[in-house]
Amino acid sequence: MGKAAVLNRPVTSCSVAAAAAILFSGALLLSSFVLHGDRSLFCSLPSLQRSPSLADELHSALLHYATSSIVPQQSRSEISISFNILRRRSPCNFLVFGLGHDSPMWSAFNAGGTTVFLEEDPKWFQSVLRESPTLRAYNIRYPTKLSEANDLIRTYRSEPECLPPRAHLKGNKRCRLALADLPDEIYKTEWDLIMIDAPKGYFAEAPGRMGAIYSVALMARARRGEGVTDVFLHDVERNVEKTYAMEFLCKKYLVEGTGRLWHFQIPPTRGNETSSGEGKFC
């Protein structure tokens, strides 16, 4: 979900119109669901103060896309998978790895819920927030490089702090895959949906998504509430994303996919490792 992905994509009047149509129809559906839907389907409401208001979020997103020549990076079919889950679970807690021109859309689709974005590029972080200042986002750092991907997946099993049931995130400096220095809000919040569309993973010195995929797997497994964690992984045509997804998110939890997007539904372990075995994710 980085800057380069946007600049490399050609923009046409048809694609702008299509994006506006997607957002407009999505906003209408979501606002109707929130205002008139079955509240028993909602996931737990976030404990954080919800601001701006639901209507303001929807209107802000509609205005953004109506006046912009840049469209979301994902295709309509890819967006639809996440949107359909958000229709059912929103308002909920939605964590997105990456900031981009599609960020107002994701925030609007979860209007009334808590949507938080994590972005590693400080310049891109500032650029997006200048355009969309109401987004809730953190600028973070990743401890890995894409060039280390093969070594990391080959050696992580030799470190007990990387493996269930001892694996954890906050402060875990022994496991090179663990995102150990995220803002406290990320660790304290139970995320219902997680989108992995960052960090950059297309050149050797980029952080790669190894740590994000591993850490999301731990977040989902540690869920305390009812139900599963819906995890969406983009760019699965790339070898690192595909390999790490099969290692940590698990093929048995892959429920659907289209284009370059996979959707996993990961159940919590609640301390019971019998489904995968101690020391294993899948």
C-alpha atoms as a PDB file:
ATOM      1  CA  MET A   1       0.000   0.000   0.000  1.00  0.00           C
ATOM      2  CA  GLY A   2       2.949   2.268  -0.637  1.00  0.00           C
ATOM      3  CA  LYS A   3       3.409   5.270  -2.843  1.00  0.00           C
ATOM      4  CA  ALA A   4       5.026   3.403  -5.715  1.00  0.00           C
ATOM      5  CA  ALA A   5       2.022   1.135  -6.137  1.00  0.00           C
ATOM      6  CA  VAL A   6      -0.173   4.163  -6.782  1.00  0.00           C
ATOM      7  CA  LEU A   7       2.176   5.913  -9.177  1.00  0.00           C
ATOM      8  CA  ASN A   8       2.647   2.802 -11.292  1.00  0.00           C
ATOM      9  CA  ARG A   9      -1.066   2.338 -11.875  1.00  0.00           C
ATOM     10  CA  PRO A  10      -2.611   4.104 -14.900  1.00  0.00           C
ATOM     11  CA  VAL A  11      -5.638   6.242 -14.141  1.00  0.00           C
ATOM     12  CA  THR A  12      -8.533   6.543 -16.554  1.00  0.00           C
ATOM     13  CA  SER A  13     -11.844   8.326 -16.376  1.00  0.00           C
ATOM     14  CA  CYS A  14     -13.561   4.934 -16.370  1.00  0.00           C
ATOM     15  CA  SER A  15     -11.543   3.708 -13.401  1.00  0.00           C
ATOM     16  CA  VAL A  16     -12.287   6.895 -11.463  1.00  0.00           C
ATOM     17  CA  ALA A  17     -15.983   6.508 -12.172  1.00  0.00           C
ATOM     18  CA  ALA A  18     -15.866   2.858 -11.163  1.00  0.00           C
ATOM     19  CA  ALA A  19     -14.128   3.669  -7.890  1.00  0.00           C
ATOM     20  CA  ALA A  20     -16.653   6.375  -7.099  1.00  0.00           C
ATOM     21  CA  ALA A  21     -19.474   3.954  -7.839  1.00  0.00           C
ATOM     22  CA  ILE A  22     -17.956   1.312  -5.554  1.00  0.00           C
ATOM     23  CA  LEU A  23     -17.576   3.737  -2.681  1.00  0.00           C
ATOM     24  CA  PHE A  24     -20.968   5.362  -3.156  1.00  0.00           C
ATOM     25  CA  SER A  25     -22.836   2.064  -3.225  1.00  0.00           C
ATOM     26  CA  GLY A  26     -20.740   0.743  -0.358  1.00  0.00           C
ATOM     27  CA  ALA A  27     -21.388   3.810   1.751  1.00  0.00           C
ATOM     28  CA  LEU A  28     -25.125   3.567   1.180  1.00  0.00           C
ATOM     29  CA  LEU A  29     -25.169  -0.128   2.042  1.00  0.00           C
ATOM     30  CA  LEU A  30     -23.040   0.331   5.122  1.00  0.00           C
ATOM     31  CA  SER A  31     -24.951   3.338   6.416  1.00  0.00           C
ATOM     32  CA  SER A  32     -28.213   1.458   5.911  1.00  0.00           C
ATOM     33  CA  PHE A  33     -26.816  -1.572   7.743  1.00  0.00           C
ATOM     34  CA  VAL A  34     -25.533   0.472  10.662  1.00  0.00           C
ATOM     35  CA  LEU A  35     -28.726   2.468  11.037  1.00  0.00           C
ATOM     36  CA  HIS A  36     -31.271  -0.307  10.446  1.00  0.00           C
ATOM     37  CA  GLY A  37     -29.392  -3.611  10.602  1.00  0.00           C
ATOM     38  CA  ASP A  38     -29.552  -6.431  13.108  1.00  0.00           C
ATOM     39  CA  ARG A  39     -27.383  -5.296  16.033  1.00  0.00           C
ATOM     40  CA  SER A  40     -26.933  -8.878  17.190  1.00  0.00           C
ATOM     41  CA  LEU A  41     -24.565  -9.367  14.255  1.00  0.00           C
ATOM     42  CA  PHE A  42     -22.204  -6.631  15.402  1.00  0.00           C
ATOM     43  CA  CYS A  43     -18.856  -7.515  16.882  1.00  0.00           C
ATOM     44  CA  SER A  44     -17.867  -5.931  20.175  1.00  0.00           C
ATOM     45  CA  LEU A  45     -17.930  -2.154  20.038  1.00  0.00           C
ATOM     46  CA  PRO A  46     -14.557  -0.456  20.480  1.00  0.00           C
ATOM     47  CA  SER A  47     -13.892   1.038  23.857  1.00  0.00           C
ATOM     48  CA  LEU A  48     -12.249   4.063  22.282  1.00  0.00           C
ATOM     49  CA  GLN A  49     -14.122   7.282  21.630  1.00  0.00           C
ATOM     50  CA  ARG A  50     -15.601   7.182  18.125  1.00  0.00           C
ATOM     51  CA  SER A  51     -14.896  10.408  16.248  1.00  0.00           C
ATOM     52  CA  PRO A  52     -15.685  11.808  13.740  1.00  0.00           C
ATOM     53  CA  SER A  53     -19.339  10.827  13.569  1.00  0.00           C
ATOM     54  CA  LEU A  54     -20.584   8.025  11.345  1.00  0.00           C
ATOM     55  CA  ALA A  55     -22.135  10.449   8.852  1.00  0.00           C
ATOM     56  CA  ASP A  56     -19.004  12.603   8.778  1.00  0.00           C
ATOM     57  CA  GLU A  57     -16.834   9.585   7.951  1.00  0.00           C
ATOM     58  CA  LEU A  58     -19.069   8.558   5.070  1.00  0.00           C
ATOM     59  CA  HIS A  59     -19.385  12.073   3.692  1.00  0.00           C
ATOM     60  CA  SER A  60     -15.648  12.702   3.997  1.00  0.00           C
ATOM     61  CA  ALA A  61     -14.812   9.533   2.077  1.00  0.00           C
ATOM     62  CA  LEU A  62     -17.361  10.250  -0.645  1.00  0.00           C
ATOM     63  CA  LEU A  63     -15.984  13.756  -1.077  1.00  0.00           C
ATOM     64  CA  HIS A  64     -12.414  12.432  -1.189  1.00  0.00           C
ATOM     65  CA  TYR A  65     -13.082  10.040  -4.066  1.00  0.00           C
ATOM     66  CA  ALA A  66     -15.466  12.330  -5.898  1.00  0.00           C
ATOM     67  CA  THR A  67     -12.742  14.983  -6.142  1.00  0.00           C
ATOM     68  CA  SER A  68      -9.700  12.728  -6.643  1.00  0.00           C
ATOM     69  CA  SER A  69      -8.186  11.308  -9.827  1.00  0.00           C
ATOM     70  CA  ILE A  70      -6.515   8.480  -7.866  1.00  0.00           C
ATOM     71  CA  VAL A  71      -8.396   5.252  -7.239  1.00  0.00           C
ATOM     72  CA  PRO A  72      -7.939   2.492  -4.620  1.00  0.00           C
ATOM     73  CA  GLN A  73      -5.111   0.044  -5.318  1.00  0.00           C
ATOM     74  CA  GLN A  74      -7.223  -3.092  -4.963  1.00  0.00           C
ATOM     75  CA  SER A  75      -9.620  -4.257  -7.651  1.00  0.00           C
ATOM     76  CA  ARG A  76     -13.378  -4.152  -7.232  1.00  0.00           C
ATOM     77  CA  SER A  77     -13.560  -7.925  -6.688  1.00  0.00           C
ATOM     78  CA  GLU A  78     -10.794  -7.760  -4.065  1.00  0.00           C
ATOM     79  CA  ILE A  79     -12.443  -4.868  -2.234  1.00  0.00           C
ATOM     80  CA  SER A  80     -15.782  -6.691  -2.299  1.00  0.00           C
ATOM     81  CA  ILE A  81     -14.458  -9.583  -0.196  1.00  0.00           C
ATOM     82  CA  SER A  82     -13.434  -7.296   2.664  1.00  0.00           C
ATOM     83  CA  PHE A  83     -16.488  -5.091   2.229  1.00  0.00           C
ATOM     84  CA  ASN A  84     -18.859  -8.037   2.579  1.00  0.00           C
ATOM     85  CA  ILE A  85     -17.244  -9.013   5.890  1.00  0.00           C
ATOM     86  CA  LEU A  86     -17.342  -5.416   7.107  1.00  0.00           C
ATOM     87  CA  ARG A  87     -21.049  -5.218   6.255  1.00  0.00           C
ATOM     88  CA  ARG A  88     -21.616  -8.145   8.587  1.00  0.00           C
ATOM     89  CA  ARG A  89     -19.257  -7.211  11.424  1.00  0.00           C
ATOM     90  CA  SER A  90     -19.122  -3.414  11.416  1.00  0.00           C
ATOM     91  CA  PRO A  91     -18.823  -1.404  13.593  1.00  0.00           C
ATOM     92  CA  CYS A  92     -15.795  -3.302  14.818  1.00  0.00           C
ATOM     93  CA  ASN A  93     -12.050  -3.082  15.402  1.00  0.00           C
ATOM     94  CA  PHE A  94     -10.218  -3.014  12.068  1.00  0.00           C
ATOM     95  CA  LEU A  95      -6.414  -2.923  11.816  1.00  0.00           C
ATOM     96  CA  VAL A  96      -4.834  -2.068   8.459  1.00  0.00           C
ATOM     97  CA  PHE A  97      -1.142  -2.478   7.680  1.00  0.00           C
ATOM     98  CA  GLY A  98      -0.425   0.375   5.292  1.00  0.00           C
ATOM     99  CA  LEU A  99      -1.696   3.843   4.454  1.00  0.00           C
ATOM    100  CA  GLY A 100      -2.808   4.727   0.957  1.00  0.00           C
ATOM    101  CA  HIS A 101      -5.347   6.447  -1.206  1.00  0.00           C
ATOM    102  CA  ASP A 102      -7.798   3.701  -0.259  1.00  0.00           C
ATOM    103  CA  SER A 103      -7.540   4.429   3.488  1.00  0.00           C
ATOM    104  CA  PRO A 104     -10.583   6.765   3.632  1.00  0.00           C
ATOM    105  CA  MET A 105     -12.593   4.002   1.962  1.00  0.00           C
ATOM    106  CA  TRP A 106     -11.659   1.406   4.597  1.00  0.00           C
ATOM    107  CA  SER A 107     -12.386   3.851   7.400  1.00  0.00           C
ATOM    108  CA  ALA A 108     -15.772   4.694   5.876  1.00  0.00           C
ATOM    109  CA  PHE A 109     -16.668   1.027   5.415  1.00  0.00           C
ATOM    110  CA  ASN A 110     -16.187   0.647   9.185  1.00  0.00           C
ATOM    111  CA  ALA A 111     -18.009   3.863  10.049  1.00  0.00           C
ATOM    112  CA  GLY A 112     -18.694   4.030  13.760  1.00  0.00           C
ATOM    113  CA  GLY A 113     -15.990   1.471  14.520  1.00  0.00           C
ATOM    114  CA  THR A 114     -12.277   1.794  15.222  1.00  0.00           C
ATOM    115  CA  THR A 115     -10.010   1.654  12.169  1.00  0.00           C
ATOM    116  CA  VAL A 116      -6.271   2.064  12.733  1.00  0.00           C
ATOM    117  CA  PHE A 117      -3.550   2.204  10.070  1.00  0.00           C
ATOM    118  CA  LEU A 118       0.140   1.303  10.452  1.00  0.00           C
ATOM    119  CA  GLU A 119       2.616   2.840   7.985  1.00  0.00           C
ATOM    120  CA  GLU A 120       6.412   2.558   7.846  1.00  0.00           C
ATOM    121  CA  ASP A 121       7.278   5.375   5.410  1.00  0.00           C
ATOM    122  CA  PRO A 122       7.333   8.689   7.360  1.00  0.00           C
ATOM    123  CA  LYS A 123       7.060  10.892   4.260  1.00  0.00           C
ATOM    124  CA  TRP A 124       4.168   8.883   2.858  1.00  0.00           C
ATOM    125  CA  PHE A 125       2.577   8.879   6.318  1.00  0.00           C
ATOM    126  CA  GLN A 126       2.591  12.683   6.408  1.00  0.00           C
ATOM    127  CA  SER A 127       1.403  12.954   2.806  1.00  0.00           C
ATOM    128  CA  VAL A 128      -1.655  10.752   3.331  1.00  0.00           C
ATOM    129  CA  LEU A 129      -2.616  12.424   6.605  1.00  0.00           C
ATOM    130  CA  ARG A 130      -2.412  15.860   5.014  1.00  0.00           C
ATOM    131  CA  GLU A 131      -5.074  14.717   2.559  1.00  0.00           C
ATOM    132  CA  SER A 132      -7.113  12.754   5.131  1.00  0.00           C
ATOM    133  CA  PRO A 133      -6.381  14.225   8.584  1.00  0.00           C
ATOM    134  CA  THR A 134      -9.188  12.341  10.356  1.00  0.00           C
ATOM    135  CA  LEU A 135      -7.575   8.938   9.775  1.00  0.00           C
ATOM    136  CA  ARG A 136      -6.239   7.202  12.876  1.00  0.00           C
ATOM    137  CA  ALA A 137      -2.696   6.115  12.025  1.00  0.00           C
ATOM    138  CA  TYR A 138       0.732   5.364  13.461  1.00  0.00           C
ATOM    139  CA  ASN A 139       4.142   5.627  11.830  1.00  0.00           C
ATOM    140  CA  ILE A 140       6.039   2.457  12.803  1.00  0.00           C
ATOM    141  CA  ARG A 141       9.350   0.747  12.052  1.00  0.00           C
ATOM    142  CA  TYR A 142       9.936  -2.858  11.008  1.00  0.00           C
ATOM    143  CA  PRO A 143      13.009  -4.790  12.194  1.00  0.00           C
ATOM    144  CA  THR A 144      13.394  -6.903   9.038  1.00  0.00           C
ATOM    145  CA  LYS A 145      14.492  -6.635   5.410  1.00  0.00           C
ATOM    146  CA  LEU A 146      12.992  -8.544   2.514  1.00  0.00           C
ATOM    147  CA  SER A 147      16.435  -9.999   1.768  1.00  0.00           C
ATOM    148  CA  GLU A 148      16.233 -11.843   5.118  1.00  0.00           C
ATOM    149  CA  ALA A 149      12.962 -13.627   4.329  1.00  0.00           C
ATOM    150  CA  ASN A 150      14.437 -17.039   3.524  1.00  0.00           C
ATOM    151  CA  ASP A 151      16.723 -17.041   6.553  1.00  0.00           C
ATOM    152  CA  LEU A 152      13.946 -15.939   8.908  1.00  0.00           C
ATOM    153  CA  ILE A 153      11.538 -18.687   7.931  1.00  0.00           C
ATOM    154  CA  ARG A 154      14.314 -21.275   8.006  1.00  0.00           C
ATOM    155  CA  THR A 155      15.572 -20.381  11.496  1.00  0.00           C
ATOM    156  CA  TYR A 156      12.583 -19.127  13.518  1.00  0.00           C
ATOM    157  CA  ARG A 157      11.831 -22.619  14.857  1.00  0.00           C
ATOM    158  CA  SER A 158      15.127 -22.640  16.728  1.00  0.00           C
ATOM    159  CA  GLU A 159      13.927 -19.777  18.955  1.00  0.00           C
ATOM    160  CA  PRO A 160      11.365 -20.906  21.589  1.00  0.00           C
ATOM    161  CA  GLU A 161      10.029 -17.338  21.941  1.00  0.00           C
ATOM    162  CA  CYS A 162       8.844 -17.537  18.318  1.00  0.00           C
ATOM    163  CA  LEU A 163       6.824 -20.712  18.841  1.00  0.00           C
ATOM    164  CA  PRO A 164       3.466 -21.413  20.476  1.00  0.00           C
ATOM    165  CA  PRO A 165       2.703 -21.397  23.321  1.00  0.00           C
ATOM    166  CA  ARG A 166       5.556 -19.054  24.347  1.00  0.00           C
ATOM    167  CA  ALA A 167       5.315 -16.779  21.306  1.00  0.00           C
ATOM    168  CA  HIS A 168       4.217 -13.213  22.041  1.00  0.00           C
ATOM    169  CA  LEU A 169       4.655  -9.763  20.535  1.00  0.00           C
ATOM    170  CA  LYS A 170       5.132  -6.877  22.964  1.00  0.00           C
ATOM    171  CA  GLY A 171       8.754  -6.643  24.039  1.00  0.00           C
ATOM    172  CA  ASN A 172       9.718  -9.926  22.380  1.00  0.00           C
ATOM    173  CA  LYS A 173      13.239  -9.069  21.236  1.00  0.00           C
ATOM    174  CA  ARG A 174      14.309 -12.701  20.952  1.00  0.00           C
ATOM    175  CA  CYS A 175      12.015 -13.455  18.017  1.00  0.00           C
ATOM    176  CA  ARG A 176      13.138 -11.547  14.933  1.00  0.00           C
ATOM    177  CA  LEU A 177       9.706 -11.908  13.329  1.00  0.00           C
ATOM    178  CA  ALA A 178       7.764 -10.395  16.230  1.00  0.00           C
ATOM    179  CA  LEU A 179       6.680  -6.758  15.918  1.00  0.00           C
ATOM    180  CA  ALA A 180       7.761  -5.990  19.465  1.00  0.00           C
ATOM    181  CA  ASP A 181       7.596  -2.172  19.508  1.00  0.00           C
ATOM    182  CA  LEU A 182       4.137  -1.293  18.238  1.00  0.00           C
ATOM    183  CA  PRO A 183       2.026   1.378  19.978  1.00  0.00           C
ATOM    184  CA  ASP A 184       0.282   0.044  23.086  1.00  0.00           C
ATOM    185  CA  GLU A 185      -3.120   0.529  21.462  1.00  0.00           C
ATOM    186  CA  ILE A 186      -2.285  -2.187  18.938  1.00  0.00           C
ATOM    187  CA  TYR A 187      -1.524  -4.729  21.655  1.00  0.00           C
ATOM    188  CA  LYS A 188      -4.425  -3.773  23.930  1.00  0.00           C
ATOM    189  CA  THR A 189      -7.145  -3.813  21.263  1.00  0.00           C
ATOM    190  CA  GLU A 190      -8.709  -7.062  20.125  1.00  0.00           C
ATOM    191  CA  TRP A 191      -8.871  -6.768  16.342  1.00  0.00           C
ATOM    192  CA  ASP A 192     -11.843  -8.286  14.560  1.00  0.00           C
ATOM    193  CA  LEU A 193     -10.528  -7.679  11.033  1.00  0.00           C
ATOM    194  CA  ILE A 194      -6.925  -7.209   9.916  1.00  0.00           C
ATOM    195  CA  MET A 195      -5.790  -6.153   6.451  1.00  0.00           C
ATOM    196  CA  ILE A 196      -2.141  -6.779   5.472  1.00  0.00           C
ATOM    197  CA  ASP A 197      -1.311  -4.555   2.507  1.00  0.00           C
ATOM    198  CA  ALA A 198       2.048  -3.263   3.757  1.00  0.00           C
ATOM    199  CA  PRO A 199       4.898  -2.740   4.366  1.00  0.00           C
ATOM    200  CA  LYS A 200       6.758  -2.555   1.075  1.00  0.00           C
ATOM    201  CA  GLY A 201       7.888  -5.916  -0.209  1.00  0.00           C
ATOM    202  CA  TYR A 202       9.212  -5.474  -3.725  1.00  0.00           C
ATOM    203  CA  PHE A 203      12.949  -4.734  -3.283  1.00  0.00           C
ATOM    204  CA  ALA A 204      15.685  -6.288  -1.158  1.00  0.00           C
ATOM    205  CA  GLU A 205      16.077  -3.460   1.368  1.00  0.00           C
ATOM    206  CA  ALA A 206      12.321  -3.086   1.918  1.00  0.00           C
ATOM    207  CA  PRO A 207      10.961  -4.367   5.253  1.00  0.00           C
ATOM    208  CA  GLY A 208       8.890  -7.107   3.626  1.00  0.00           C
ATOM    209  CA  ARG A 209       5.699  -8.488   5.146  1.00  0.00           C
ATOM    210  CA  MET A 210       7.265 -11.359   7.071  1.00  0.00           C
ATOM    211  CA  GLY A 211       6.888  -9.714  10.478  1.00  0.00           C
ATOM    212  CA  ALA A 212       3.407  -8.414   9.718  1.00  0.00           C
ATOM    213  CA  ILE A 213       2.113 -11.851   8.701  1.00  0.00           C
ATOM    214  CA  TYR A 214       3.715 -13.585  11.690  1.00  0.00           C
ATOM    215  CA  SER A 215       2.460 -10.951  14.146  1.00  0.00           C
ATOM    216  CA  VAL A 216      -1.075 -10.996  12.761  1.00  0.00           C
ATOM    217  CA  ALA A 217      -1.138 -14.768  13.216  1.00  0.00           C
ATOM    218  CA  LEU A 218      -0.283 -14.286  16.892  1.00  0.00           C
ATOM    219  CA  MET A 219      -2.918 -11.567  17.310  1.00  0.00           C
ATOM    220  CA  ALA A 220      -5.597 -13.805  15.824  1.00  0.00           C
ATOM    221  CA  ARG A 221      -4.607 -16.832  17.897  1.00  0.00           C
ATOM    222  CA  ALA A 222      -4.673 -14.728  21.081  1.00  0.00           C
ATOM    223  CA  ARG A 223      -8.247 -13.525  20.527  1.00  0.00           C
ATOM    224  CA  ARG A 224     -10.294 -13.634  23.740  1.00  0.00           C
ATOM    225  CA  GLY A 225     -13.734 -12.815  22.358  1.00  0.00           C
ATOM    226  CA  GLU A 226     -16.142 -14.992  20.446  1.00  0.00           C
ATOM    227  CA  GLY A 227     -15.717 -15.795  16.790  1.00  0.00           C
ATOM    228  CA  VAL A 228     -12.775 -15.725  14.429  1.00  0.00           C
ATOM    229  CA  THR A 229     -10.394 -13.022  13.262  1.00  0.00           C
ATOM    230  CA  ASP A 230     -10.884 -12.169   9.590  1.00  0.00           C
ATOM    231  CA  VAL A 231      -7.471 -11.620   7.992  1.00  0.00           C
ATOM    232  CA  PHE A 232      -6.997 -10.255   4.472  1.00  0.00           C
ATOM    233  CA  LEU A 233      -3.609 -10.554   2.767  1.00  0.00           C
ATOM    234  CA  HIS A 234      -2.876  -8.654  -0.442  1.00  0.00           C
ATOM    235  CA  ASP A 235      -0.181  -9.300  -3.080  1.00  0.00           C
ATOM    236  CA  VAL A 236      -0.283 -13.079  -2.644  1.00  0.00           C
ATOM    237  CA  GLU A 237       1.206 -13.583  -6.101  1.00  0.00           C
ATOM    238  CA  ARG A 238       4.570 -12.766  -4.513  1.00  0.00           C
ATOM    239  CA  ASN A 239       6.595 -15.629  -3.087  1.00  0.00           C
ATOM    240  CA  VAL A 240       7.190 -14.168   0.393  1.00  0.00           C
ATOM    241  CA  GLU A 241       3.525 -13.368   1.000  1.00  0.00           C
ATOM    242  CA  LYS A 242       2.462 -16.801  -0.225  1.00  0.00           C
ATOM    243  CA  THR A 243       5.108 -18.730   1.731  1.00  0.00           C
ATOM    244  CA  TYR A 244       4.598 -16.886   5.010  1.00  0.00           C
ATOM    245  CA  ALA A 245       0.813 -17.114   4.702  1.00  0.00           C
ATOM    246  CA  MET A 246       0.982 -20.889   4.389  1.00  0.00           C
ATOM    247  CA  GLU A 247       3.408 -21.079   7.334  1.00  0.00           C
ATOM    248  CA  PHE A 248       1.575 -18.829   9.797  1.00  0.00           C
ATOM    249  CA  LEU A 249      -1.972 -18.041   8.595  1.00  0.00           C
ATOM    250  CA  CYS A 250      -2.506 -21.653   7.469  1.00  0.00           C
ATOM    251  CA  LYS A 251      -4.072 -23.126   4.363  1.00  0.00           C
ATOM    252  CA  LYS A 252      -6.843 -24.731   6.437  1.00  0.00           C
ATOM    253  CA  TYR A 253      -8.041 -21.247   7.459  1.00  0.00           C
ATOM    254  CA  LEU A 254      -8.049 -19.855   3.902  1.00  0.00           C
ATOM    255  CA  VAL A 255     -11.741 -19.439   3.064  1.00  0.00           C
ATOM    256  CA  GLU A 256     -11.743 -17.420  -0.160  1.00  0.00           C
ATOM    257  CA  GLY A 257      -9.629 -15.400  -2.523  1.00  0.00           C
ATOM    258  CA  THR A 258      -9.721 -13.440  -5.732  1.00  0.00           C
ATOM    259  CA  GLY A 259      -7.091 -11.678  -7.793  1.00  0.00           C
ATOM    260  CA  ARG A 260      -4.179 -10.948  -5.469  1.00  0.00           C
ATOM    261  CA  LEU A 261      -6.178 -11.164  -2.214  1.00  0.00           C
ATOM    262  CA  TRP A 262      -6.634 -14.070   0.215  1.00  0.00           C
ATOM    263  CA  HIS A 263      -9.124 -14.136   3.069  1.00  0.00           C
ATOM    264  CA  PHE A 264      -8.422 -16.213   6.183  1.00  0.00           C
ATOM    265  CA  GLN A 265     -10.680 -16.846   9.172  1.00  0.00           C
ATOM    266  CA  ILE A 266      -8.435 -17.729  12.094  1.00  0.00           C
ATOM    267  CA  PRO A 267      -9.933 -19.115  15.319  1.00  0.00           C
ATOM    268  CA  PRO A 268      -8.475 -18.326  18.745  1.00  0.00           C
ATOM    269  CA  THR A 269      -6.455 -20.987  20.545  1.00  0.00           C
ATOM    270  CA  ARG A 270      -7.292 -19.780  24.078  1.00  0.00           C
ATOM    271  CA  GLY A 271      -4.256 -21.670  25.341  1.00  0.00           C
ATOM    272  CA  ASN A 272      -5.276 -24.894  23.610  1.00  0.00           C
ATOM    273  CA  GLU A 273      -2.588 -25.897  21.127  1.00  0.00           C
ATOM    274  CA  THR A 274      -4.009 -29.310  20.274  1.00  0.00           C
ATOM    275  CA  SER A 275      -5.403 -28.204  16.903  1.00  0.00           C
ATOM    276  CA  SER A 276      -1.957 -27.540  15.478  1.00  0.00           C
ATOM    277  CA  GLY A 277       0.329 -29.032  18.092  1.00  0.00           C
ATOM    278  CA  GLU A 278       2.686 -27.280  20.489  1.00  0.00           C
ATOM    279  CA  GLY A 279       5.352 -25.345  18.629  1.00  0.00           C
ATOM    280  CA  LYS A 280       3.309 -25.178  15.418  1.00  0.00           C
ATOM    281  CA  PHE A 281       1.031 -22.626  13.786  1.00  0.00           C
ATOM    282  CA  CYS A 282      -0.660 -24.877  11.233  1.00  0.00           C
END
